[in-house]
Amino acid sequence: MGGNDNRFESKRTVFVTVGTTSFDSLVKAVDTQQVQEALLKKGYTHLVIQMGRGSYIPKKSSGEDGSLVLDYFTFSPSIADYMRSASLVISHAGIMPNPKLKLYKLY
């Protein structure tokens, strides 16, 4: 039981949700090495993406190589538990008249 045992560190999850829409540009953005490294540096350990009707499929990761644990799903009867357990929730800002929804870099 050493003080450096990572198995007992708290899980910090980022939950990305697009609802019932298709917002592949958001899903692609969080599926980049640059964003994932920025999240790791901020202490996040898991990335869960609710990708809705999108066609872009992110790459799952077990995190065994020191990267974020990454999982995704299309729909769920309720995302309330995902939102409650997340340390950070990323979502779109609703429907906009612009056909390409806005995506802002925050890193």
PDB file of N, CA and C in Angstrom:
ATOM      1  N   MET A   1       0.822  -1.200   0.000  1.00  0.00           N
ATOM      2  CA  MET A   1       0.000   0.000   0.000  1.00  0.00           C
ATOM      3  C   MET A   1       0.856   1.251   0.000  1.00  0.00           C
ATOM      4  N   GLY A   2       1.475   1.513  -1.105  1.00  0.00           N
ATOM      5  CA  GLY A   2       2.296   2.712  -1.214  1.00  0.00           C
ATOM      6  C   GLY A   2       1.453   3.940  -1.455  1.00  0.00           C
ATOM      7  N   GLY A   3       2.020   5.076  -1.166  1.00  0.00           N
ATOM      8  CA  GLY A   3       1.300   6.329  -1.356  1.00  0.00           C
ATOM      9  C   GLY A   3       1.145   6.720  -2.811  1.00  0.00           C
ATOM     10  N   ASN A   4       1.828   6.019  -3.714  1.00  0.00           N
ATOM     11  CA  ASN A   4       1.769   6.369  -5.128  1.00  0.00           C
ATOM     12  C   ASN A   4       0.921   5.405  -5.940  1.00  0.00           C
ATOM     13  N   ASP A   5       0.014   4.693  -5.313  1.00  0.00           N
ATOM     14  CA  ASP A   5      -0.805   3.707  -6.012  1.00  0.00           C
ATOM     15  C   ASP A   5      -1.924   4.416  -6.758  1.00  0.00           C
ATOM     16  N   ASN A   6      -1.809   4.501  -8.093  1.00  0.00           N
ATOM     17  CA  ASN A   6      -2.771   5.246  -8.916  1.00  0.00           C
ATOM     18  C   ASN A   6      -4.151   4.618  -8.968  1.00  0.00           C
ATOM     19  N   ARG A   7      -4.282   3.346  -8.593  1.00  0.00           N
ATOM     20  CA  ARG A   7      -5.587   2.690  -8.685  1.00  0.00           C
ATOM     21  C   ARG A   7      -6.619   3.341  -7.780  1.00  0.00           C
ATOM     22  N   PHE A   8      -6.159   4.050  -6.766  1.00  0.00           N
ATOM     23  CA  PHE A   8      -7.085   4.602  -5.792  1.00  0.00           C
ATOM     24  C   PHE A   8      -7.290   6.107  -5.957  1.00  0.00           C
ATOM     25  N   GLU A   9      -6.710   6.678  -7.001  1.00  0.00           N
ATOM     26  CA  GLU A   9      -6.962   8.091  -7.276  1.00  0.00           C
ATOM     27  C   GLU A   9      -8.409   8.259  -7.716  1.00  0.00           C
ATOM     28  N   SER A  10      -8.965   9.413  -7.446  1.00  0.00           N
ATOM     29  CA  SER A  10     -10.362   9.613  -7.808  1.00  0.00           C
ATOM     30  C   SER A  10     -10.527   9.729  -9.323  1.00  0.00           C
ATOM     31  N   LYS A  11     -11.629   9.214  -9.777  1.00  0.00           N
ATOM     32  CA  LYS A  11     -11.989   9.262 -11.197  1.00  0.00           C
ATOM     33  C   LYS A  11     -12.555  10.646 -11.490  1.00  0.00           C
ATOM     34  N   ARG A  12     -12.026  11.305 -12.510  1.00  0.00           N
ATOM     35  CA  ARG A  12     -12.533  12.613 -12.939  1.00  0.00           C
ATOM     36  C   ARG A  12     -12.962  12.485 -14.387  1.00  0.00           C
ATOM     37  N   THR A  13     -14.255  12.583 -14.600  1.00  0.00           N
ATOM     38  CA  THR A  13     -14.835  12.324 -15.913  1.00  0.00           C
ATOM     39  C   THR A  13     -15.276  13.603 -16.603  1.00  0.00           C
ATOM     40  N   VAL A  14     -14.986  13.656 -17.904  1.00  0.00           N
ATOM     41  CA  VAL A  14     -15.532  14.688 -18.780  1.00  0.00           C
ATOM     42  C   VAL A  14     -16.634  14.008 -19.589  1.00  0.00           C
ATOM     43  N   PHE A  15     -17.832  14.555 -19.539  1.00  0.00           N
ATOM     44  CA  PHE A  15     -18.959  14.016 -20.295  1.00  0.00           C
ATOM     45  C   PHE A  15     -19.299  14.996 -21.405  1.00  0.00           C
ATOM     46  N   VAL A  16     -19.261  14.511 -22.640  1.00  0.00           N
ATOM     47  CA  VAL A  16     -19.595  15.319 -23.813  1.00  0.00           C
ATOM     48  C   VAL A  16     -20.936  14.829 -24.338  1.00  0.00           C
ATOM     49  N   THR A  17     -21.887  15.731 -24.517  1.00  0.00           N
ATOM     50  CA  THR A  17     -23.199  15.325 -25.008  1.00  0.00           C
ATOM     51  C   THR A  17     -23.661  16.227 -26.150  1.00  0.00           C
ATOM     52  N   VAL A  18     -24.212  15.603 -27.179  1.00  0.00           N
ATOM     53  CA  VAL A  18     -24.786  16.355 -28.295  1.00  0.00           C
ATOM     54  C   VAL A  18     -26.296  16.167 -28.356  1.00  0.00           C
ATOM     55  N   GLY A  19     -26.862  15.424 -27.403  1.00  0.00           N
ATOM     56  CA  GLY A  19     -28.304  15.190 -27.404  1.00  0.00           C
ATOM     57  C   GLY A  19     -28.717  14.343 -28.595  1.00  0.00           C
ATOM     58  N   THR A  20     -29.826  14.699 -29.216  1.00  0.00           N
ATOM     59  CA  THR A  20     -30.332  13.912 -30.346  1.00  0.00           C
ATOM     60  C   THR A  20     -29.824  14.423 -31.682  1.00  0.00           C
ATOM     61  N   THR A  21     -28.996  15.458 -31.643  1.00  0.00           N
ATOM     62  CA  THR A  21     -28.491  16.054 -32.879  1.00  0.00           C
ATOM     63  C   THR A  21     -27.298  15.284 -33.425  1.00  0.00           C
ATOM     64  N   SER A  22     -26.801  15.739 -34.532  1.00  0.00           N
ATOM     65  CA  SER A  22     -25.532  15.276 -35.088  1.00  0.00           C
ATOM     66  C   SER A  22     -24.570  16.451 -34.993  1.00  0.00           C
ATOM     67  N   PHE A  23     -23.498  16.290 -34.271  1.00  0.00           N
ATOM     68  CA  PHE A  23     -22.520  17.366 -34.109  1.00  0.00           C
ATOM     69  C   PHE A  23     -21.130  16.740 -34.162  1.00  0.00           C
ATOM     70  N   ASP A  24     -20.813  16.183 -35.346  1.00  0.00           N
ATOM     71  CA  ASP A  24     -19.545  15.482 -35.527  1.00  0.00           C
ATOM     72  C   ASP A  24     -18.338  16.371 -35.260  1.00  0.00           C
ATOM     73  N   SER A  25     -18.436  17.666 -35.545  1.00  0.00           N
ATOM     74  CA  SER A  25     -17.266  18.525 -35.329  1.00  0.00           C
ATOM     75  C   SER A  25     -16.917  18.624 -33.843  1.00  0.00           C
ATOM     76  N   LEU A  26     -17.894  18.598 -32.962  1.00  0.00           N
ATOM     77  CA  LEU A  26     -17.618  18.593 -31.525  1.00  0.00           C
ATOM     78  C   LEU A  26     -16.994  17.264 -31.112  1.00  0.00           C
ATOM     79  N   VAL A  27     -17.572  16.168 -31.583  1.00  0.00           N
ATOM     80  CA  VAL A  27     -17.041  14.841 -31.242  1.00  0.00           C
ATOM     81  C   VAL A  27     -15.617  14.690 -31.768  1.00  0.00           C
ATOM     82  N   LYS A  28     -15.382  15.123 -32.998  1.00  0.00           N
ATOM     83  CA  LYS A  28     -14.022  15.059 -33.567  1.00  0.00           C
ATOM     84  C   LYS A  28     -13.051  15.906 -32.759  1.00  0.00           C
ATOM     85  N   ALA A  29     -13.500  17.069 -32.324  1.00  0.00           N
ATOM     86  CA  ALA A  29     -12.620  17.972 -31.574  1.00  0.00           C
ATOM     87  C   ALA A  29     -12.148  17.351 -30.264  1.00  0.00           C
ATOM     88  N   VAL A  30     -13.051  16.720 -29.530  1.00  0.00           N
ATOM     89  CA  VAL A  30     -12.638  16.119 -28.254  1.00  0.00           C
ATOM     90  C   VAL A  30     -11.918  14.795 -28.455  1.00  0.00           C
ATOM     91  N   ASP A  31     -11.977  14.250 -29.664  1.00  0.00           N
ATOM     92  CA  ASP A  31     -11.286  12.997 -29.968  1.00  0.00           C
ATOM     93  C   ASP A  31      -9.875  13.247 -30.513  1.00  0.00           C
ATOM     94  N   THR A  32      -9.356  14.444 -30.329  1.00  0.00           N
ATOM     95  CA  THR A  32      -8.000  14.737 -30.792  1.00  0.00           C
ATOM     96  C   THR A  32      -7.004  14.565 -29.649  1.00  0.00           C
ATOM     97  N   GLN A  33      -5.783  14.251 -30.017  1.00  0.00           N
ATOM     98  CA  GLN A  33      -4.722  14.089 -29.028  1.00  0.00           C
ATOM     99  C   GLN A  33      -4.501  15.392 -28.256  1.00  0.00           C
ATOM    100  N   GLN A  34      -4.579  16.517 -28.944  1.00  0.00           N
ATOM    101  CA  GLN A  34      -4.346  17.814 -28.307  1.00  0.00           C
ATOM    102  C   GLN A  34      -5.354  18.078 -27.186  1.00  0.00           C
ATOM    103  N   VAL A  35      -6.624  17.862 -27.450  1.00  0.00           N
ATOM    104  CA  VAL A  35      -7.650  18.091 -26.424  1.00  0.00           C
ATOM    105  C   VAL A  35      -7.498  17.080 -25.298  1.00  0.00           C
ATOM    106  N   GLN A  36      -7.263  15.821 -25.637  1.00  0.00           N
ATOM    107  CA  GLN A  36      -7.145  14.800 -24.601  1.00  0.00           C
ATOM    108  C   GLN A  36      -5.932  15.033 -23.707  1.00  0.00           C
ATOM    109  N   GLU A  37      -4.821  15.479 -24.281  1.00  0.00           N
ATOM    110  CA  GLU A  37      -3.648  15.805 -23.465  1.00  0.00           C
ATOM    111  C   GLU A  37      -3.930  16.995 -22.554  1.00  0.00           C
ATOM    112  N   ALA A  38      -4.673  17.981 -23.058  1.00  0.00           N
ATOM    113  CA  ALA A  38      -5.042  19.135 -22.231  1.00  0.00           C
ATOM    114  C   ALA A  38      -5.923  18.697 -21.063  1.00  0.00           C
ATOM    115  N   LEU A  39      -6.856  17.778 -21.312  1.00  0.00           N
ATOM    116  CA  LEU A  39      -7.716  17.275 -20.239  1.00  0.00           C
ATOM    117  C   LEU A  39      -6.904  16.499 -19.212  1.00  0.00           C
ATOM    118  N   LEU A  40      -5.970  15.668 -19.679  1.00  0.00           N
ATOM    119  CA  LEU A  40      -5.097  14.927 -18.760  1.00  0.00           C
ATOM    120  C   LEU A  40      -4.304  15.884 -17.876  1.00  0.00           C
ATOM    121  N   LYS A  41      -3.772  16.938 -18.464  1.00  0.00           N
ATOM    122  CA  LYS A  41      -2.991  17.919 -17.695  1.00  0.00           C
ATOM    123  C   LYS A  41      -3.838  18.599 -16.630  1.00  0.00           C
ATOM    124  N   LYS A  42      -5.135  18.711 -16.885  1.00  0.00           N
ATOM    125  CA  LYS A  42      -6.053  19.307 -15.909  1.00  0.00           C
ATOM    126  C   LYS A  42      -6.529  18.287 -14.875  1.00  0.00           C
ATOM    127  N   GLY A  43      -6.073  17.034 -14.984  1.00  0.00           N
ATOM    128  CA  GLY A  43      -6.401  16.022 -13.986  1.00  0.00           C
ATOM    129  C   GLY A  43      -7.586  15.139 -14.310  1.00  0.00           C
ATOM    130  N   TYR A  44      -8.135  15.249 -15.511  1.00  0.00           N
ATOM    131  CA  TYR A  44      -9.249  14.385 -15.889  1.00  0.00           C
ATOM    132  C   TYR A  44      -8.721  13.009 -16.279  1.00  0.00           C
ATOM    133  N   THR A  45      -9.503  11.976 -15.995  1.00  0.00           N
ATOM    134  CA  THR A  45      -9.073  10.597 -16.238  1.00  0.00           C
ATOM    135  C   THR A  45      -9.923   9.873 -17.268  1.00  0.00           C
ATOM    136  N   HIS A  46     -11.173  10.294 -17.432  1.00  0.00           N
ATOM    137  CA  HIS A  46     -12.122   9.607 -18.311  1.00  0.00           C
ATOM    138  C   HIS A  46     -12.836  10.615 -19.210  1.00  0.00           C
ATOM    139  N   LEU A  47     -13.118  10.174 -20.424  1.00  0.00           N
ATOM    140  CA  LEU A  47     -13.880  10.966 -21.386  1.00  0.00           C
ATOM    141  C   LEU A  47     -15.004  10.083 -21.909  1.00  0.00           C
ATOM    142  N   VAL A  48     -16.236  10.499 -21.666  1.00  0.00           N
ATOM    143  CA  VAL A  48     -17.414   9.764 -22.131  1.00  0.00           C
ATOM    144  C   VAL A  48     -18.156  10.674 -23.098  1.00  0.00           C
ATOM    145  N   ILE A  49     -18.418  10.156 -24.299  1.00  0.00           N
ATOM    146  CA  ILE A  49     -19.048  10.952 -25.347  1.00  0.00           C
ATOM    147  C   ILE A  49     -20.404  10.355 -25.711  1.00  0.00           C
ATOM    148  N   GLN A  50     -21.456  11.154 -25.594  1.00  0.00           N
ATOM    149  CA  GLN A  50     -22.777  10.780 -26.094  1.00  0.00           C
ATOM    150  C   GLN A  50     -22.865  11.451 -27.452  1.00  0.00           C
ATOM    151  N   MET A  51     -22.795  10.639 -28.530  1.00  0.00           N
ATOM    152  CA  MET A  51     -22.596  11.188 -29.873  1.00  0.00           C
ATOM    153  C   MET A  51     -23.856  11.323 -30.712  1.00  0.00           C
ATOM    154  N   GLY A  52     -25.010  10.982 -30.178  1.00  0.00           N
ATOM    155  CA  GLY A  52     -26.255  11.196 -30.904  1.00  0.00           C
ATOM    156  C   GLY A  52     -26.289  10.536 -32.268  1.00  0.00           C
ATOM    157  N   ARG A  53     -26.787  11.275 -33.256  1.00  0.00           N
ATOM    158  CA  ARG A  53     -26.943  10.743 -34.617  1.00  0.00           C
ATOM    159  C   ARG A  53     -25.686  10.886 -35.471  1.00  0.00           C
ATOM    160  N   GLY A  54     -24.614  11.310 -34.890  1.00  0.00           N
ATOM    161  CA  GLY A  54     -23.389  11.550 -35.646  1.00  0.00           C
ATOM    162  C   GLY A  54     -22.850  10.306 -36.322  1.00  0.00           C
ATOM    163  N   SER A  55     -22.066  10.529 -37.358  1.00  0.00           N
ATOM    164  CA  SER A  55     -21.467   9.407 -38.091  1.00  0.00           C
ATOM    165  C   SER A  55     -19.997   9.203 -37.736  1.00  0.00           C
ATOM    166  N   TYR A  56     -19.370  10.198 -37.105  1.00  0.00           N
ATOM    167  CA  TYR A  56     -17.968  10.065 -36.716  1.00  0.00           C
ATOM    168  C   TYR A  56     -17.879   9.168 -35.482  1.00  0.00           C
ATOM    169  N   ILE A  57     -17.018   8.163 -35.552  1.00  0.00           N
ATOM    170  CA  ILE A  57     -16.847   7.221 -34.443  1.00  0.00           C
ATOM    171  C   ILE A  57     -15.506   7.504 -33.764  1.00  0.00           C
ATOM    172  N   PRO A  58     -15.536   7.939 -32.493  1.00  0.00           N
ATOM    173  CA  PRO A  58     -14.275   8.182 -31.795  1.00  0.00           C
ATOM    174  C   PRO A  58     -13.555   6.868 -31.491  1.00  0.00           C
ATOM    175  N   LYS A  59     -12.274   6.971 -31.199  1.00  0.00           N
ATOM    176  CA  LYS A  59     -11.479   5.787 -30.887  1.00  0.00           C
ATOM    177  C   LYS A  59     -11.549   5.518 -29.386  1.00  0.00           C
ATOM    178  N   LYS A  60     -12.065   4.336 -29.018  1.00  0.00           N
ATOM    179  CA  LYS A  60     -12.130   3.969 -27.606  1.00  0.00           C
ATOM    180  C   LYS A  60     -10.723   3.744 -27.074  1.00  0.00           C
ATOM    181  N   SER A  61     -10.564   3.964 -25.781  1.00  0.00           N
ATOM    182  CA  SER A  61      -9.271   3.754 -25.137  1.00  0.00           C
ATOM    183  C   SER A  61      -9.493   3.235 -23.728  1.00  0.00           C
ATOM    184  N   SER A  62      -8.688   2.255 -23.336  1.00  0.00           N
ATOM    185  CA  SER A  62      -8.761   1.718 -21.977  1.00  0.00           C
ATOM    186  C   SER A  62      -7.948   2.554 -21.004  1.00  0.00           C
ATOM    187  N   GLY A  63      -7.103   3.428 -21.521  1.00  0.00           N
ATOM    188  CA  GLY A  63      -6.269   4.263 -20.672  1.00  0.00           C
ATOM    189  C   GLY A  63      -5.034   3.572 -20.127  1.00  0.00           C
ATOM    190  N   GLU A  64      -4.825   2.322 -20.522  1.00  0.00           N
ATOM    191  CA  GLU A  64      -3.687   1.560 -19.991  1.00  0.00           C
ATOM    192  C   GLU A  64      -2.345   2.166 -20.377  1.00  0.00           C
ATOM    193  N   ASP A  65      -2.305   2.932 -21.446  1.00  0.00           N
ATOM    194  CA  ASP A  65      -1.052   3.547 -21.895  1.00  0.00           C
ATOM    195  C   ASP A  65      -0.838   4.936 -21.289  1.00  0.00           C
ATOM    196  N   GLY A  66      -1.643   5.288 -20.300  1.00  0.00           N
ATOM    197  CA  GLY A  66      -1.522   6.596 -19.662  1.00  0.00           C
ATOM    198  C   GLY A  66      -2.414   7.653 -20.267  1.00  0.00           C
ATOM    199  N   SER A  67      -3.149   7.290 -21.317  1.00  0.00           N
ATOM    200  CA  SER A  67      -4.081   8.228 -21.948  1.00  0.00           C
ATOM    201  C   SER A  67      -5.399   8.242 -21.175  1.00  0.00           C
ATOM    202  N   LEU A  68      -6.311   9.105 -21.601  1.00  0.00           N
ATOM    203  CA  LEU A  68      -7.653   9.114 -21.019  1.00  0.00           C
ATOM    204  C   LEU A  68      -8.367   7.808 -21.334  1.00  0.00           C
ATOM    205  N   VAL A  69      -9.185   7.343 -20.412  1.00  0.00           N
ATOM    206  CA  VAL A  69     -10.123   6.267 -20.716  1.00  0.00           C
ATOM    207  C   VAL A  69     -11.220   6.919 -21.548  1.00  0.00           C
ATOM    208  N   LEU A  70     -11.484   6.391 -22.748  1.00  0.00           N
ATOM    209  CA  LEU A  70     -12.470   7.003 -23.634  1.00  0.00           C
ATOM    210  C   LEU A  70     -13.522   5.973 -24.018  1.00  0.00           C
ATOM    211  N   ASP A  71     -14.771   6.341 -23.811  1.00  0.00           N
ATOM    212  CA  ASP A  71     -15.891   5.491 -24.213  1.00  0.00           C
ATOM    213  C   ASP A  71     -16.957   6.395 -24.829  1.00  0.00           C
ATOM    214  N   TYR A  72     -17.850   5.788 -25.594  1.00  0.00           N
ATOM    215  CA  TYR A  72     -18.904   6.572 -26.236  1.00  0.00           C
ATOM    216  C   TYR A  72     -20.159   5.727 -26.385  1.00  0.00           C
ATOM    217  N   PHE A  73     -21.275   6.408 -26.618  1.00  0.00           N
ATOM    218  CA  PHE A  73     -22.545   5.754 -26.925  1.00  0.00           C
ATOM    219  C   PHE A  73     -23.382   6.730 -27.738  1.00  0.00           C
ATOM    220  N   THR A  74     -24.410   6.205 -28.410  1.00  0.00           N
ATOM    221  CA  THR A  74     -25.251   7.074 -29.231  1.00  0.00           C
ATOM    222  C   THR A  74     -26.381   7.695 -28.408  1.00  0.00           C
ATOM    223  N   PHE A  75     -27.209   6.865 -27.804  1.00  0.00           N
ATOM    224  CA  PHE A  75     -28.352   7.349 -27.036  1.00  0.00           C
ATOM    225  C   PHE A  75     -28.495   6.556 -25.751  1.00  0.00           C
ATOM    226  N   SER A  76     -29.196   7.145 -24.794  1.00  0.00           N
ATOM    227  CA  SER A  76     -29.497   6.509 -23.523  1.00  0.00           C
ATOM    228  C   SER A  76     -30.871   7.013 -23.091  1.00  0.00           C
ATOM    229  N   PRO A  77     -31.657   6.180 -22.409  1.00  0.00           N
ATOM    230  CA  PRO A  77     -32.960   6.660 -21.946  1.00  0.00           C
ATOM    231  C   PRO A  77     -32.839   7.913 -21.066  1.00  0.00           C
ATOM    232  N   SER A  78     -31.727   8.014 -20.344  1.00  0.00           N
ATOM    233  CA  SER A  78     -31.482   9.190 -19.513  1.00  0.00           C
ATOM    234  C   SER A  78     -29.976   9.418 -19.410  1.00  0.00           C
ATOM    235  N   ILE A  79     -29.568  10.677 -19.530  1.00  0.00           N
ATOM    236  CA  ILE A  79     -28.151  10.996 -19.347  1.00  0.00           C
ATOM    237  C   ILE A  79     -27.921  11.670 -17.996  1.00  0.00           C
ATOM    238  N   ALA A  80     -28.944  11.694 -17.162  1.00  0.00           N
ATOM    239  CA  ALA A  80     -28.849  12.379 -15.867  1.00  0.00           C
ATOM    240  C   ALA A  80     -27.713  11.827 -15.016  1.00  0.00           C
ATOM    241  N   ASP A  81     -27.565  10.512 -14.951  1.00  0.00           N
ATOM    242  CA  ASP A  81     -26.497   9.926 -14.134  1.00  0.00           C
ATOM    243  C   ASP A  81     -25.119  10.276 -14.681  1.00  0.00           C
ATOM    244  N   TYR A  82     -24.991  10.302 -16.009  1.00  0.00           N
ATOM    245  CA  TYR A  82     -23.713  10.697 -16.608  1.00  0.00           C
ATOM    246  C   TYR A  82     -23.372  12.137 -16.215  1.00  0.00           C
ATOM    247  N   MET A  83     -24.362  12.996 -16.277  1.00  0.00           N
ATOM    248  CA  MET A  83     -24.130  14.406 -15.960  1.00  0.00           C
ATOM    249  C   MET A  83     -23.806  14.592 -14.479  1.00  0.00           C
ATOM    250  N   ARG A  84     -24.510  13.862 -13.611  1.00  0.00           N
ATOM    251  CA  ARG A  84     -24.264  13.979 -12.173  1.00  0.00           C
ATOM    252  C   ARG A  84     -22.869  13.496 -11.789  1.00  0.00           C
ATOM    253  N   SER A  85     -22.402  12.433 -12.439  1.00  0.00           N
ATOM    254  CA  SER A  85     -21.110  11.860 -12.057  1.00  0.00           C
ATOM    255  C   SER A  85     -19.927  12.553 -12.736  1.00  0.00           C
ATOM    256  N   ALA A  86     -20.183  13.418 -13.689  1.00  0.00           N
ATOM    257  CA  ALA A  86     -19.099  14.091 -14.415  1.00  0.00           C
ATOM    258  C   ALA A  86     -18.533  15.259 -13.608  1.00  0.00           C
ATOM    259  N   SER A  87     -17.234  15.452 -13.762  1.00  0.00           N
ATOM    260  CA  SER A  87     -16.578  16.628 -13.188  1.00  0.00           C
ATOM    261  C   SER A  87     -16.724  17.826 -14.118  1.00  0.00           C
ATOM    262  N   LEU A  88     -16.896  17.548 -15.416  1.00  0.00           N
ATOM    263  CA  LEU A  88     -17.045  18.584 -16.435  1.00  0.00           C
ATOM    264  C   LEU A  88     -18.002  18.070 -17.502  1.00  0.00           C
ATOM    265  N   VAL A  89     -18.977  18.891 -17.884  1.00  0.00           N
ATOM    266  CA  VAL A  89     -19.914  18.545 -18.957  1.00  0.00           C
ATOM    267  C   VAL A  89     -19.689  19.526 -20.104  1.00  0.00           C
ATOM    268  N   ILE A  90     -19.520  18.973 -21.306  1.00  0.00           N
ATOM    269  CA  ILE A  90     -19.368  19.779 -22.513  1.00  0.00           C
ATOM    270  C   ILE A  90     -20.551  19.468 -23.416  1.00  0.00           C
ATOM    271  N   SER A  91     -21.248  20.509 -23.883  1.00  0.00           N
ATOM    272  CA  SER A  91     -22.396  20.286 -24.762  1.00  0.00           C
ATOM    273  C   SER A  91     -22.469  21.416 -25.781  1.00  0.00           C
ATOM    274  N   HIS A  92     -23.381  21.261 -26.722  1.00  0.00           N
ATOM    275  CA  HIS A  92     -23.600  22.339 -27.682  1.00  0.00           C
ATOM    276  C   HIS A  92     -24.543  23.354 -27.048  1.00  0.00           C
ATOM    277  N   ALA A  93     -24.638  24.506 -27.652  1.00  0.00           N
ATOM    278  CA  ALA A  93     -25.435  25.592 -27.076  1.00  0.00           C
ATOM    279  C   ALA A  93     -26.819  25.685 -27.702  1.00  0.00           C
ATOM    280  N   GLY A  94     -27.313  24.609 -28.251  1.00  0.00           N
ATOM    281  CA  GLY A  94     -28.622  24.624 -28.871  1.00  0.00           C
ATOM    282  C   GLY A  94     -28.523  24.764 -30.373  1.00  0.00           C
ATOM    283  N   ILE A  95     -29.644  24.788 -31.012  1.00  0.00           N
ATOM    284  CA  ILE A  95     -29.684  24.888 -32.466  1.00  0.00           C
ATOM    285  C   ILE A  95     -29.449  26.338 -32.870  1.00  0.00           C
ATOM    286  N   MET A  96     -28.589  26.515 -33.852  1.00  0.00           N
ATOM    287  CA  MET A  96     -28.264  27.849 -34.353  1.00  0.00           C
ATOM    288  C   MET A  96     -28.607  27.903 -35.841  1.00  0.00           C
ATOM    289  N   PRO A  97     -28.878  29.082 -36.380  1.00  0.00           N
ATOM    290  CA  PRO A  97     -29.186  29.168 -37.807  1.00  0.00           C
ATOM    291  C   PRO A  97     -28.001  28.776 -38.685  1.00  0.00           C
ATOM    292  N   ASN A  98     -26.802  28.823 -38.146  1.00  0.00           N
ATOM    293  CA  ASN A  98     -25.608  28.438 -38.886  1.00  0.00           C
ATOM    294  C   ASN A  98     -25.617  26.920 -39.079  1.00  0.00           C
ATOM    295  N   PRO A  99     -25.521  26.411 -40.315  1.00  0.00           N
ATOM    296  CA  PRO A  99     -25.562  24.962 -40.526  1.00  0.00           C
ATOM    297  C   PRO A  99     -24.391  24.228 -39.869  1.00  0.00           C
ATOM    298  N   LYS A 100     -23.293  24.907 -39.657  1.00  0.00           N
ATOM    299  CA  LYS A 100     -22.167  24.298 -38.942  1.00  0.00           C
ATOM    300  C   LYS A 100     -22.148  24.928 -37.557  1.00  0.00           C
ATOM    301  N   LEU A 101     -22.564  24.171 -36.563  1.00  0.00           N
ATOM    302  CA  LEU A 101     -22.664  24.706 -35.215  1.00  0.00           C
ATOM    303  C   LEU A 101     -21.315  25.235 -34.749  1.00  0.00           C
ATOM    304  N   LYS A 102     -21.342  26.268 -33.943  1.00  0.00           N
ATOM    305  CA  LYS A 102     -20.104  26.897 -33.485  1.00  0.00           C
ATOM    306  C   LYS A 102     -19.366  25.997 -32.503  1.00  0.00           C
ATOM    307  N   LEU A 103     -18.047  26.019 -32.618  1.00  0.00           N
ATOM    308  CA  LEU A 103     -17.180  25.267 -31.724  1.00  0.00           C
ATOM    309  C   LEU A 103     -16.047  26.196 -31.315  1.00  0.00           C
ATOM    310  N   TYR A 104     -15.894  26.405 -30.048  1.00  0.00           N
ATOM    311  CA  TYR A 104     -14.877  27.330 -29.553  1.00  0.00           C
ATOM    312  C   TYR A 104     -13.748  26.562 -28.898  1.00  0.00           C
ATOM    313  N   LYS A 105     -12.513  26.970 -29.168  1.00  0.00           N
ATOM    314  CA  LYS A 105     -11.349  26.373 -28.526  1.00  0.00           C
ATOM    315  C   LYS A 105     -11.194  26.990 -27.146  1.00  0.00           C
ATOM    316  N   LEU A 106     -11.092  26.130 -26.148  1.00  0.00           N
ATOM    317  CA  LEU A 106     -10.935  26.603 -24.778  1.00  0.00           C
ATOM    318  C   LEU A 106      -9.608  26.166 -24.188  1.00  0.00           C
ATOM    319  N   TYR A 107      -8.709  25.685 -25.003  1.00  0.00           N
ATOM    320  CA  TYR A 107      -7.425  25.211 -24.485  1.00  0.00           C
ATOM    321  C   TYR A 107      -6.298  26.005 -25.080  1.00  0.00           C
TER     322      TYR A 107
END
